[in-house]
């Protein structure tokens, strides 16, 4: 009987996960993920562990093409707010954090082309 109850609970949890629609990423999500990277982006050097954790988190939040395109647009919008961001530091960020983003970090990126 105990095994049946556990099986039913597992099935209910799976149904809940499948029925819950995925939430689209927002610019607030992107900003929160990369906020700890601002010192690195302004001064260069090496990104902090918190920054790299944010980069990894952003990667995890962008599994689909539409999510990556949105994140790309959000990164570009944030870069416009902070005029002193070093473009080379921004471009190097994913590599320095050892994260394959799938989102090129550059003001010249056409976000519609991001796959």
PDB file of N, CA and C in Angstrom:
ATOM      1  N   UNK A   1       0.820  -1.199   0.000  1.00  0.00           N
ATOM      2  CA  UNK A   1       0.000   0.000   0.000  1.00  0.00           C
ATOM      3  C   UNK A   1       0.866   1.266   0.000  1.00  0.00           C
ATOM      4  N   UNK A   2       1.935   1.213   0.794  1.00  0.00           N
ATOM      5  CA  UNK A   2       2.835   2.357   0.877  1.00  0.00           C
ATOM      6  C   UNK A   2       3.447   2.672  -0.489  1.00  0.00           C
ATOM      7  N   UNK A   3       3.806   1.629  -1.235  1.00  0.00           N
ATOM      8  CA  UNK A   3       4.378   1.807  -2.565  1.00  0.00           C
ATOM      9  C   UNK A   3       3.386   2.440  -3.527  1.00  0.00           C
ATOM     10  N   UNK A   4       2.105   2.100  -3.410  1.00  0.00           N
ATOM     11  CA  UNK A   4       1.070   2.668  -4.266  1.00  0.00           C
ATOM     12  C   UNK A   4       0.929   4.169  -3.983  1.00  0.00           C
ATOM     13  N   UNK A   5       0.934   4.533  -2.722  1.00  0.00           N
ATOM     14  CA  UNK A   5       0.799   5.939  -2.341  1.00  0.00           C
ATOM     15  C   UNK A   5       1.975   6.738  -2.893  1.00  0.00           C
ATOM     16  N   UNK A   6       3.179   6.211  -2.752  1.00  0.00           N
ATOM     17  CA  UNK A   6       4.369   6.897  -3.264  1.00  0.00           C
ATOM     18  C   UNK A   6       4.282   7.029  -4.780  1.00  0.00           C
ATOM     19  N   UNK A   7       3.853   5.975  -5.453  1.00  0.00           N
ATOM     20  CA  UNK A   7       3.724   6.024  -6.911  1.00  0.00           C
ATOM     21  C   UNK A   7       2.715   7.079  -7.339  1.00  0.00           C
ATOM     22  N   UNK A   8       1.605   7.165  -6.641  1.00  0.00           N
ATOM     23  CA  UNK A   8       0.584   8.155  -6.963  1.00  0.00           C
ATOM     24  C   UNK A   8       1.142   9.573  -6.758  1.00  0.00           C
ATOM     25  N   UNK A   9       1.873   9.783  -5.672  1.00  0.00           N
ATOM     26  CA  UNK A   9       2.460  11.093  -5.405  1.00  0.00           C
ATOM     27  C   UNK A   9       3.469  11.480  -6.490  1.00  0.00           C
ATOM     28  N   UNK A  10       4.271  10.523  -6.919  1.00  0.00           N
ATOM     29  CA  UNK A  10       5.250  10.789  -7.973  1.00  0.00           C
ATOM     30  C   UNK A  10       4.541  11.158  -9.269  1.00  0.00           C
ATOM     31  N   UNK A  11       3.506  10.422  -9.619  1.00  0.00           N
ATOM     32  CA  UNK A  11       2.750  10.712 -10.840  1.00  0.00           C
ATOM     33  C   UNK A  11       2.102  12.089 -10.747  1.00  0.00           C
ATOM     34  N   UNK A  12       1.529  12.433  -9.608  1.00  0.00           N
ATOM     35  CA  UNK A  12       0.916  13.752  -9.439  1.00  0.00           C
ATOM     36  C   UNK A  12       1.952  14.868  -9.574  1.00  0.00           C
ATOM     37  N   UNK A  13       3.119  14.655  -9.016  1.00  0.00           N
ATOM     38  CA  UNK A  13       4.187  15.662  -9.137  1.00  0.00           C
ATOM     39  C   UNK A  13       4.598  15.824 -10.594  1.00  0.00           C
ATOM     40  N   UNK A  14       4.710  14.720 -11.320  1.00  0.00           N
ATOM     41  CA  UNK A  14       5.091  14.797 -12.733  1.00  0.00           C
ATOM     42  C   UNK A  14       4.026  15.522 -13.551  1.00  0.00           C
ATOM     43  N   UNK A  15       2.764  15.243 -13.277  1.00  0.00           N
ATOM     44  CA  UNK A  15       1.670  15.908 -13.989  1.00  0.00           C
ATOM     45  C   UNK A  15       1.713  17.404 -13.711  1.00  0.00           C
ATOM     46  N   UNK A  16       1.947  17.780 -12.459  1.00  0.00           N
ATOM     47  CA  UNK A  16       2.024  19.195 -12.100  1.00  0.00           C
ATOM     48  C   UNK A  16       3.148  19.880 -12.863  1.00  0.00           C
ATOM     49  N   UNK A  17       4.304  19.255 -12.949  1.00  0.00           N
ATOM     50  CA  UNK A  17       5.431  19.833 -13.658  1.00  0.00           C
ATOM     51  C   UNK A  17       5.149  19.968 -15.150  1.00  0.00           C
ATOM     52  N   UNK A  18       4.476  18.973 -15.720  1.00  0.00           N
ATOM     53  CA  UNK A  18       4.174  19.019 -17.145  1.00  0.00           C
ATOM     54  C   UNK A  18       3.071  20.028 -17.444  1.00  0.00           C
ATOM     55  N   UNK A  19       2.129  20.218 -16.542  1.00  0.00           N
ATOM     56  CA  UNK A  19       0.993  21.094 -16.781  1.00  0.00           C
ATOM     57  C   UNK A  19       1.343  22.556 -16.539  1.00  0.00           C
ATOM     58  N   UNK A  20       2.350  22.808 -15.717  1.00  0.00           N
ATOM     59  CA  UNK A  20       2.731  24.182 -15.409  1.00  0.00           C
ATOM     60  C   UNK A  20       3.478  24.786 -16.594  1.00  0.00           C
ATOM     61  N   UNK A  21       2.958  25.865 -17.163  1.00  0.00           N
ATOM     62  CA  UNK A  21       3.624  26.454 -18.325  1.00  0.00           C
ATOM     63  C   UNK A  21       4.968  27.057 -17.919  1.00  0.00           C
ATOM     64  N   UNK A  22       5.885  27.002 -18.836  1.00  0.00           N
ATOM     65  CA  UNK A  22       7.204  27.576 -18.587  1.00  0.00           C
ATOM     66  C   UNK A  22       7.084  29.092 -18.550  1.00  0.00           C
ATOM     67  N   UNK A  23       7.829  29.695 -17.649  1.00  0.00           N
ATOM     68  CA  UNK A  23       7.801  31.140 -17.509  1.00  0.00           C
ATOM     69  C   UNK A  23       8.884  31.736 -18.398  1.00  0.00           C
ATOM     70  N   UNK A  24       8.519  32.728 -19.171  1.00  0.00           N
ATOM     71  CA  UNK A  24       9.482  33.378 -20.057  1.00  0.00           C
ATOM     72  C   UNK A  24      10.434  34.228 -19.235  1.00  0.00           C
ATOM     73  N   UNK A  25      11.669  34.309 -19.693  1.00  0.00           N
ATOM     74  CA  UNK A  25      12.671  35.117 -19.010  1.00  0.00           C
ATOM     75  C   UNK A  25      12.356  36.596 -19.211  1.00  0.00           C
ATOM     76  N   UNK A  26      12.687  37.408 -18.212  1.00  0.00           N
ATOM     77  CA  UNK A  26      12.466  38.853 -18.292  1.00  0.00           C
ATOM     78  C   UNK A  26      13.808  39.571 -18.135  1.00  0.00           C
ATOM     79  N   UNK A  27      13.807  40.841 -18.459  1.00  0.00           N
ATOM     80  CA  UNK A  27      15.032  41.625 -18.277  1.00  0.00           C
ATOM     81  C   UNK A  27      15.390  41.735 -16.799  1.00  0.00           C
ATOM     82  N   UNK A  28      14.390  41.730 -15.920  1.00  0.00           N
ATOM     83  CA  UNK A  28      14.694  41.727 -14.478  1.00  0.00           C
ATOM     84  C   UNK A  28      15.459  40.465 -14.096  1.00  0.00           C
ATOM     85  N   UNK A  29      15.086  39.326 -14.681  1.00  0.00           N
ATOM     86  CA  UNK A  29      15.813  38.072 -14.427  1.00  0.00           C
ATOM     87  C   UNK A  29      17.268  38.193 -14.877  1.00  0.00           C
ATOM     88  N   UNK A  30      17.451  38.743 -16.058  1.00  0.00           N
ATOM     89  CA  UNK A  30      18.802  38.901 -16.618  1.00  0.00           C
ATOM     90  C   UNK A  30      19.611  39.859 -15.753  1.00  0.00           C
ATOM     91  N   UNK A  31      19.006  40.989 -15.391  1.00  0.00           N
ATOM     92  CA  UNK A  31      19.702  41.979 -14.565  1.00  0.00           C
ATOM     93  C   UNK A  31      20.116  41.385 -13.220  1.00  0.00           C
ATOM     94  N   UNK A  32      19.208  40.643 -12.590  1.00  0.00           N
ATOM     95  CA  UNK A  32      19.539  40.004 -11.302  1.00  0.00           C
ATOM     96  C   UNK A  32      20.673  39.003 -11.458  1.00  0.00           C
ATOM     97  N   UNK A  33      20.650  38.255 -12.540  1.00  0.00           N
ATOM     98  CA  UNK A  33      21.676  37.236 -12.758  1.00  0.00           C
ATOM     99  C   UNK A  33      23.059  37.860 -12.943  1.00  0.00           C
ATOM    100  N   UNK A  34      23.104  38.999 -13.598  1.00  0.00           N
ATOM    101  CA  UNK A  34      24.392  39.588 -13.948  1.00  0.00           C
ATOM    102  C   UNK A  34      24.795  40.777 -13.071  1.00  0.00           C
ATOM    103  N   UNK A  35      23.984  41.121 -12.077  1.00  0.00           N
ATOM    104  CA  UNK A  35      24.274  42.288 -11.231  1.00  0.00           C
ATOM    105  C   UNK A  35      25.642  42.186 -10.567  1.00  0.00           C
ATOM    106  N   UNK A  36      26.010  41.019 -10.115  1.00  0.00           N
ATOM    107  CA  UNK A  36      27.300  40.871  -9.430  1.00  0.00           C
ATOM    108  C   UNK A  36      28.479  40.923 -10.405  1.00  0.00           C
ATOM    109  N   UNK A  37      28.195  40.988 -11.695  1.00  0.00           N
ATOM    110  CA  UNK A  37      29.256  41.087 -12.710  1.00  0.00           C
ATOM    111  C   UNK A  37      29.632  42.526 -13.015  1.00  0.00           C
ATOM    112  N   UNK A  38      28.868  43.472 -12.513  1.00  0.00           N
ATOM    113  CA  UNK A  38      29.116  44.870 -12.858  1.00  0.00           C
ATOM    114  C   UNK A  38      30.538  45.336 -12.515  1.00  0.00           C
ATOM    115  N   UNK A  39      31.087  45.023 -11.338  1.00  0.00           N
ATOM    116  CA  UNK A  39      32.478  45.445 -11.081  1.00  0.00           C
ATOM    117  C   UNK A  39      33.458  44.910 -12.135  1.00  0.00           C
ATOM    118  N   UNK A  40      33.294  43.643 -12.510  1.00  0.00           N
ATOM    119  CA  UNK A  40      34.152  43.060 -13.546  1.00  0.00           C
ATOM    120  C   UNK A  40      33.950  43.766 -14.886  1.00  0.00           C
ATOM    121  N   UNK A  41      32.700  44.020 -15.245  1.00  0.00           N
ATOM    122  CA  UNK A  41      32.398  44.621 -16.546  1.00  0.00           C
ATOM    123  C   UNK A  41      32.904  46.062 -16.642  1.00  0.00           C
ATOM    124  N   UNK A  42      33.008  46.737 -15.511  1.00  0.00           N
ATOM    125  CA  UNK A  42      33.485  48.119 -15.508  1.00  0.00           C
ATOM    126  C   UNK A  42      35.002  48.222 -15.406  1.00  0.00           C
ATOM    127  N   UNK A  43      35.620  47.255 -14.711  1.00  0.00           N
ATOM    128  CA  UNK A  43      37.062  47.364 -14.456  1.00  0.00           C
ATOM    129  C   UNK A  43      37.897  46.302 -15.148  1.00  0.00           C
ATOM    130  N   UNK A  44      37.276  45.214 -15.586  1.00  0.00           N
ATOM    131  CA  UNK A  44      38.037  44.110 -16.177  1.00  0.00           C
ATOM    132  C   UNK A  44      38.624  43.234 -15.081  1.00  0.00           C
ATOM    133  N   UNK A  45      39.678  42.519 -15.395  1.00  0.00           N
ATOM    134  CA  UNK A  45      40.286  41.600 -14.433  1.00  0.00           C
ATOM    135  C   UNK A  45      39.624  40.240 -14.510  1.00  0.00           C
ATOM    136  N   UNK A  46      39.305  39.698 -13.350  1.00  0.00           N
ATOM    137  CA  UNK A  46      38.639  38.398 -13.288  1.00  0.00           C
ATOM    138  C   UNK A  46      37.273  38.544 -12.644  1.00  0.00           C
ATOM    139  N   UNK A  47      36.260  37.882 -13.186  1.00  0.00           N
ATOM    140  CA  UNK A  47      34.932  37.956 -12.578  1.00  0.00           C
ATOM    141  C   UNK A  47      34.910  37.202 -11.248  1.00  0.00           C
ATOM    142  N   UNK A  48      34.069  37.660 -10.339  1.00  0.00           N
ATOM    143  CA  UNK A  48      33.929  37.010  -9.032  1.00  0.00           C
ATOM    144  C   UNK A  48      33.194  35.678  -9.174  1.00  0.00           C
ATOM    145  N   UNK A  49      33.278  34.871  -8.126  1.00  0.00           N
ATOM    146  CA  UNK A  49      32.532  33.610  -8.111  1.00  0.00           C
ATOM    147  C   UNK A  49      31.031  33.873  -8.210  1.00  0.00           C
ATOM    148  N   UNK A  50      30.561  34.927  -7.544  1.00  0.00           N
ATOM    149  CA  UNK A  50      29.136  35.269  -7.596  1.00  0.00           C
ATOM    150  C   UNK A  50      28.732  35.653  -9.017  1.00  0.00           C
ATOM    151  N   UNK A  51      29.599  36.380  -9.697  1.00  0.00           N
ATOM    152  CA  UNK A  51      29.333  36.756 -11.085  1.00  0.00           C
ATOM    153  C   UNK A  51      29.193  35.503 -11.943  1.00  0.00           C
ATOM    154  N   UNK A  52      30.142  34.600 -11.823  1.00  0.00           N
ATOM    155  CA  UNK A  52      30.102  33.375 -12.641  1.00  0.00           C
ATOM    156  C   UNK A  52      28.886  32.511 -12.292  1.00  0.00           C
ATOM    157  N   UNK A  53      28.489  32.521 -11.032  1.00  0.00           N
ATOM    158  CA  UNK A  53      27.266  31.795 -10.652  1.00  0.00           C
ATOM    159  C   UNK A  53      26.059  32.429 -11.348  1.00  0.00           C
ATOM    160  N   UNK A  54      26.066  33.755 -11.474  1.00  0.00           N
ATOM    161  CA  UNK A  54      24.987  34.441 -12.173  1.00  0.00           C
ATOM    162  C   UNK A  54      24.968  34.124 -13.658  1.00  0.00           C
ATOM    163  N   UNK A  55      26.157  34.028 -14.255  1.00  0.00           N
ATOM    164  CA  UNK A  55      26.262  33.668 -15.674  1.00  0.00           C
ATOM    165  C   UNK A  55      25.713  32.262 -15.886  1.00  0.00           C
ATOM    166  N   UNK A  56      26.064  31.341 -15.000  1.00  0.00           N
ATOM    167  CA  UNK A  56      25.561  29.958 -15.085  1.00  0.00           C
ATOM    168  C   UNK A  56      24.040  29.945 -14.908  1.00  0.00           C
ATOM    169  N   UNK A  57      23.562  30.732 -13.970  1.00  0.00           N
ATOM    170  CA  UNK A  57      22.126  30.819 -13.737  1.00  0.00           C
ATOM    171  C   UNK A  57      21.402  31.344 -14.978  1.00  0.00           C
ATOM    172  N   UNK A  58      21.987  32.358 -15.605  1.00  0.00           N
ATOM    173  CA  UNK A  58      21.392  32.902 -16.832  1.00  0.00           C
ATOM    174  C   UNK A  58      21.350  31.843 -17.927  1.00  0.00           C
ATOM    175  N   UNK A  59      22.411  31.082 -18.055  1.00  0.00           N
ATOM    176  CA  UNK A  59      22.419  29.995 -19.047  1.00  0.00           C
ATOM    177  C   UNK A  59      21.297  29.009 -18.769  1.00  0.00           C
ATOM    178  N   UNK A  60      21.125  28.662 -17.496  1.00  0.00           N
ATOM    179  CA  UNK A  60      20.078  27.703 -17.125  1.00  0.00           C
ATOM    180  C   UNK A  60      18.670  28.248 -17.372  1.00  0.00           C
ATOM    181  N   UNK A  61      18.523  29.582 -17.325  1.00  0.00           N
ATOM    182  CA  UNK A  61      17.211  30.204 -17.546  1.00  0.00           C
ATOM    183  C   UNK A  61      16.892  30.405 -19.021  1.00  0.00           C
ATOM    184  N   UNK A  62      17.850  30.084 -19.900  1.00  0.00           N
ATOM    185  CA  UNK A  62      17.649  30.345 -21.329  1.00  0.00           C
ATOM    186  C   UNK A  62      17.815  29.075 -22.164  1.00  0.00           C
ATOM    187  N   UNK A  63      16.960  28.070 -21.919  1.00  0.00           N
ATOM    188  CA  UNK A  63      17.112  26.815 -22.664  1.00  0.00           C
ATOM    189  C   UNK A  63      16.643  26.897 -24.117  1.00  0.00           C
ATOM    190  N   UNK A  64      15.749  27.815 -24.403  1.00  0.00           N
ATOM    191  CA  UNK A  64      15.185  27.882 -25.750  1.00  0.00           C
ATOM    192  C   UNK A  64      15.643  29.109 -26.515  1.00  0.00           C
ATOM    193  N   UNK A  65      15.449  29.059 -27.811  1.00  0.00           N
ATOM    194  CA  UNK A  65      15.860  30.145 -28.709  1.00  0.00           C
ATOM    195  C   UNK A  65      15.221  31.475 -28.302  1.00  0.00           C
ATOM    196  N   UNK A  66      13.934  31.476 -28.036  1.00  0.00           N
ATOM    197  CA  UNK A  66      13.242  32.716 -27.672  1.00  0.00           C
ATOM    198  C   UNK A  66      13.810  33.290 -26.375  1.00  0.00           C
ATOM    199  N   UNK A  67      14.121  32.424 -25.415  1.00  0.00           N
ATOM    200  CA  UNK A  67      14.713  32.880 -24.159  1.00  0.00           C
ATOM    201  C   UNK A  67      16.079  33.516 -24.403  1.00  0.00           C
ATOM    202  N   UNK A  68      16.888  32.887 -25.243  1.00  0.00           N
ATOM    203  CA  UNK A  68      18.217  33.424 -25.537  1.00  0.00           C
ATOM    204  C   UNK A  68      18.120  34.758 -26.275  1.00  0.00           C
ATOM    205  N   UNK A  69      17.160  34.876 -27.194  1.00  0.00           N
ATOM    206  CA  UNK A  69      16.986  36.136 -27.913  1.00  0.00           C
ATOM    207  C   UNK A  69      16.543  37.248 -26.964  1.00  0.00           C
ATOM    208  N   UNK A  70      15.640  36.924 -26.054  1.00  0.00           N
ATOM    209  CA  UNK A  70      15.199  37.908 -25.064  1.00  0.00           C
ATOM    210  C   UNK A  70      16.360  38.316 -24.175  1.00  0.00           C
ATOM    211  N   UNK A  71      17.119  37.335 -23.672  1.00  0.00           N
ATOM    212  CA  UNK A  71      18.259  37.640 -22.812  1.00  0.00           C
ATOM    213  C   UNK A  71      19.272  38.508 -23.547  1.00  0.00           C
ATOM    214  N   UNK A  72      19.510  38.217 -24.796  1.00  0.00           N
ATOM    215  CA  UNK A  72      20.424  39.015 -25.617  1.00  0.00           C
ATOM    216  C   UNK A  72      19.957  40.468 -25.664  1.00  0.00           C
ATOM    217  N   UNK A  73      18.693  40.683 -25.931  1.00  0.00           N
ATOM    218  CA  UNK A  73      18.145  42.044 -25.992  1.00  0.00           C
ATOM    219  C   UNK A  73      18.263  42.741 -24.635  1.00  0.00           C
ATOM    220  N   UNK A  74      18.047  41.991 -23.571  1.00  0.00           N
ATOM    221  CA  UNK A  74      18.147  42.558 -22.221  1.00  0.00           C
ATOM    222  C   UNK A  74      19.581  42.958 -21.894  1.00  0.00           C
ATOM    223  N   UNK A  75      20.536  42.129 -22.287  1.00  0.00           N
ATOM    224  CA  UNK A  75      21.951  42.438 -22.051  1.00  0.00           C
ATOM    225  C   UNK A  75      22.326  43.706 -22.811  1.00  0.00           C
ATOM    226  N   UNK A  76      21.874  43.812 -24.048  1.00  0.00           N
ATOM    227  CA  UNK A  76      22.181  45.012 -24.841  1.00  0.00           C
ATOM    228  C   UNK A  76      21.544  46.252 -24.219  1.00  0.00           C
ATOM    229  N   UNK A  77      20.313  46.120 -23.731  1.00  0.00           N
ATOM    230  CA  UNK A  77      19.638  47.257 -23.099  1.00  0.00           C
ATOM    231  C   UNK A  77      20.374  47.681 -21.827  1.00  0.00           C
ATOM    232  N   UNK A  78      20.837  46.717 -21.059  1.00  0.00           N
ATOM    233  CA  UNK A  78      21.583  47.030 -19.835  1.00  0.00           C
ATOM    234  C   UNK A  78      22.905  47.713 -20.173  1.00  0.00           C
ATOM    235  N   UNK A  79      23.545  47.271 -21.230  1.00  0.00           N
ATOM    236  CA  UNK A  79      24.831  47.860 -21.627  1.00  0.00           C
ATOM    237  C   UNK A  79      24.665  49.322 -22.014  1.00  0.00           C
ATOM    238  N   UNK A  80      23.521  49.684 -22.550  1.00  0.00           N
ATOM    239  CA  UNK A  80      23.273  51.073 -22.919  1.00  0.00           C
ATOM    240  C   UNK A  80      23.197  51.949 -21.661  1.00  0.00           C
ATOM    241  N   UNK A  81      22.644  51.390 -20.571  1.00  0.00           N
ATOM    242  CA  UNK A  81      22.534  52.137 -19.310  1.00  0.00           C
ATOM    243  C   UNK A  81      23.901  52.429 -18.698  1.00  0.00           C
ATOM    244  N   UNK A  82      24.828  51.493 -18.855  1.00  0.00           N
ATOM    245  CA  UNK A  82      26.156  51.613 -18.245  1.00  0.00           C
ATOM    246  C   UNK A  82      27.174  51.888 -19.346  1.00  0.00           C
ATOM    247  N   UNK A  83      27.438  53.152 -19.593  1.00  0.00           N
ATOM    248  CA  UNK A  83      28.308  53.556 -20.710  1.00  0.00           C
ATOM    249  C   UNK A  83      29.756  53.120 -20.526  1.00  0.00           C
ATOM    250  N   UNK A  84      30.190  52.859 -19.280  1.00  0.00           N
ATOM    251  CA  UNK A  84      31.598  52.546 -19.021  1.00  0.00           C
ATOM    252  C   UNK A  84      31.915  51.050 -19.060  1.00  0.00           C
ATOM    253  N   UNK A  85      30.981  50.239 -19.505  1.00  0.00           N
ATOM    254  CA  UNK A  85      31.241  48.802 -19.585  1.00  0.00           C
ATOM    255  C   UNK A  85      32.314  48.549 -20.634  1.00  0.00           C
ATOM    256  N   UNK A  86      33.283  47.751 -20.260  1.00  0.00           N
ATOM    257  CA  UNK A  86      34.368  47.400 -21.190  1.00  0.00           C
ATOM    258  C   UNK A  86      33.858  46.300 -22.122  1.00  0.00           C
ATOM    259  N   UNK A  87      33.807  46.593 -23.406  1.00  0.00           N
ATOM    260  CA  UNK A  87      33.271  45.646 -24.388  1.00  0.00           C
ATOM    261  C   UNK A  87      34.062  44.343 -24.391  1.00  0.00           C
ATOM    262  N   UNK A  88      35.392  44.437 -24.251  1.00  0.00           N
ATOM    263  CA  UNK A  88      36.196  43.205 -24.261  1.00  0.00           C
ATOM    264  C   UNK A  88      35.926  42.356 -23.026  1.00  0.00           C
ATOM    265  N   UNK A  89      35.673  42.994 -21.880  1.00  0.00           N
ATOM    266  CA  UNK A  89      35.352  42.238 -20.662  1.00  0.00           C
ATOM    267  C   UNK A  89      34.001  41.542 -20.827  1.00  0.00           C
ATOM    268  N   UNK A  90      33.032  42.243 -21.406  1.00  0.00           N
ATOM    269  CA  UNK A  90      31.706  41.659 -21.614  1.00  0.00           C
ATOM    270  C   UNK A  90      31.784  40.459 -22.558  1.00  0.00           C
ATOM    271  N   UNK A  91      32.524  40.609 -23.640  1.00  0.00           N
ATOM    272  CA  UNK A  91      32.659  39.524 -24.613  1.00  0.00           C
ATOM    273  C   UNK A  91      33.349  38.308 -23.999  1.00  0.00           C
ATOM    274  N   UNK A  92      34.326  38.556 -23.118  1.00  0.00           N
ATOM    275  CA  UNK A  92      35.102  37.467 -22.521  1.00  0.00           C
ATOM    276  C   UNK A  92      34.408  36.803 -21.331  1.00  0.00           C
ATOM    277  N   UNK A  93      33.352  37.411 -20.819  1.00  0.00           N
ATOM    278  CA  UNK A  93      32.721  36.919 -19.588  1.00  0.00           C
ATOM    279  C   UNK A  93      32.346  35.442 -19.609  1.00  0.00           C
ATOM    280  N   UNK A  94      31.613  34.952 -20.610  1.00  0.00           N
ATOM    281  CA  UNK A  94      31.265  33.520 -20.583  1.00  0.00           C
ATOM    282  C   UNK A  94      32.498  32.605 -20.542  1.00  0.00           C
ATOM    283  N   UNK A  95      33.511  32.932 -21.328  1.00  0.00           N
ATOM    284  CA  UNK A  95      34.724  32.104 -21.327  1.00  0.00           C
ATOM    285  C   UNK A  95      35.438  32.164 -19.987  1.00  0.00           C
ATOM    286  N   UNK A  96      35.524  33.354 -19.401  1.00  0.00           N
ATOM    287  CA  UNK A  96      36.199  33.480 -18.104  1.00  0.00           C
ATOM    288  C   UNK A  96      35.465  32.708 -17.018  1.00  0.00           C
ATOM    289  N   UNK A  97      34.156  32.554 -17.185  1.00  0.00           N
ATOM    290  CA  UNK A  97      33.353  31.800 -16.216  1.00  0.00           C
ATOM    291  C   UNK A  97      33.202  30.331 -16.614  1.00  0.00           C
ATOM    292  N   UNK A  98      33.806  29.947 -17.745  1.00  0.00           N
ATOM    293  CA  UNK A  98      33.737  28.572 -18.246  1.00  0.00           C
ATOM    294  C   UNK A  98      32.294  28.121 -18.466  1.00  0.00           C
ATOM    295  N   UNK A  99      31.506  29.023 -19.082  1.00  0.00           N
ATOM    296  CA  UNK A  99      30.102  28.747 -19.370  1.00  0.00           C
ATOM    297  C   UNK A  99      29.855  28.988 -20.852  1.00  0.00           C
ATOM    298  N   UNK A 100      29.310  27.989 -21.533  1.00  0.00           N
ATOM    299  CA  UNK A 100      28.928  28.134 -22.942  1.00  0.00           C
ATOM    300  C   UNK A 100      27.511  28.708 -22.970  1.00  0.00           C
ATOM    301  N   UNK A 101      27.410  29.989 -23.276  1.00  0.00           N
ATOM    302  CA  UNK A 101      26.131  30.691 -23.162  1.00  0.00           C
ATOM    303  C   UNK A 101      25.179  30.463 -24.327  1.00  0.00           C
ATOM    304  N   UNK A 102      25.676  30.471 -25.534  1.00  0.00           N
ATOM    305  CA  UNK A 102      24.774  30.455 -26.676  1.00  0.00           C
ATOM    306  C   UNK A 102      24.230  31.846 -26.964  1.00  0.00           C
ATOM    307  N   UNK A 103      24.731  32.838 -26.217  1.00  0.00           N
ATOM    308  CA  UNK A 103      24.331  34.228 -26.415  1.00  0.00           C
ATOM    309  C   UNK A 103      25.618  35.041 -26.535  1.00  0.00           C
ATOM    310  N   UNK A 104      25.942  35.514 -27.727  1.00  0.00           N
ATOM    311  CA  UNK A 104      27.127  36.365 -27.844  1.00  0.00           C
ATOM    312  C   UNK A 104      26.903  37.675 -27.092  1.00  0.00           C
ATOM    313  N   UNK A 105      27.872  38.081 -26.296  1.00  0.00           N
ATOM    314  CA  UNK A 105      27.729  39.324 -25.538  1.00  0.00           C
ATOM    315  C   UNK A 105      28.513  40.400 -26.262  1.00  0.00           C
ATOM    316  N   UNK A 106      27.783  41.164 -27.068  1.00  0.00           N
ATOM    317  CA  UNK A 106      28.393  42.225 -27.865  1.00  0.00           C
ATOM    318  C   UNK A 106      27.291  43.190 -28.292  1.00  0.00           C
ATOM    319  N   UNK A 107      27.610  44.465 -28.310  1.00  0.00           N
ATOM    320  CA  UNK A 107      26.627  45.452 -28.746  1.00  0.00           C
ATOM    321  C   UNK A 107      26.299  45.296 -30.230  1.00  0.00           C
ATOM    322  N   UNK A 108      27.173  44.647 -30.976  1.00  0.00           N
ATOM    323  CA  UNK A 108      26.933  44.495 -32.416  1.00  0.00           C
ATOM    324  C   UNK A 108      26.120  43.246 -32.751  1.00  0.00           C
ATOM    325  N   UNK A 109      25.803  42.441 -31.761  1.00  0.00           N
ATOM    326  CA  UNK A 109      25.026  41.217 -31.996  1.00  0.00           C
ATOM    327  C   UNK A 109      23.606  41.553 -32.415  1.00  0.00           C
ATOM    328  N   UNK A 110      23.139  40.925 -33.463  1.00  0.00           N
ATOM    329  CA  UNK A 110      21.729  41.019 -33.847  1.00  0.00           C
ATOM    330  C   UNK A 110      21.007  39.913 -33.080  1.00  0.00           C
ATOM    331  N   UNK A 111      20.262  40.295 -32.073  1.00  0.00           N
ATOM    332  CA  UNK A 111      19.621  39.308 -31.192  1.00  0.00           C
ATOM    333  C   UNK A 111      18.638  38.404 -31.938  1.00  0.00           C
ATOM    334  N   UNK A 112      18.105  38.874 -33.055  1.00  0.00           N
ATOM    335  CA  UNK A 112      17.193  38.030 -33.841  1.00  0.00           C
ATOM    336  C   UNK A 112      17.926  36.853 -34.480  1.00  0.00           C
ATOM    337  N   UNK A 113      19.254  36.962 -34.605  1.00  0.00           N
ATOM    338  CA  UNK A 113      20.044  35.891 -35.199  1.00  0.00           C
ATOM    339  C   UNK A 113      20.500  34.845 -34.172  1.00  0.00           C
ATOM    340  N   UNK A 114      20.285  35.133 -32.885  1.00  0.00           N
ATOM    341  CA  UNK A 114      20.708  34.200 -31.834  1.00  0.00           C
ATOM    342  C   UNK A 114      19.869  32.939 -31.928  1.00  0.00           C
ATOM    343  N   UNK A 115      20.548  31.811 -31.944  1.00  0.00           N
ATOM    344  CA  UNK A 115      19.858  30.521 -32.015  1.00  0.00           C
ATOM    345  C   UNK A 115      19.782  29.948 -30.629  1.00  0.00           C
TER     346      UNK A 115
END
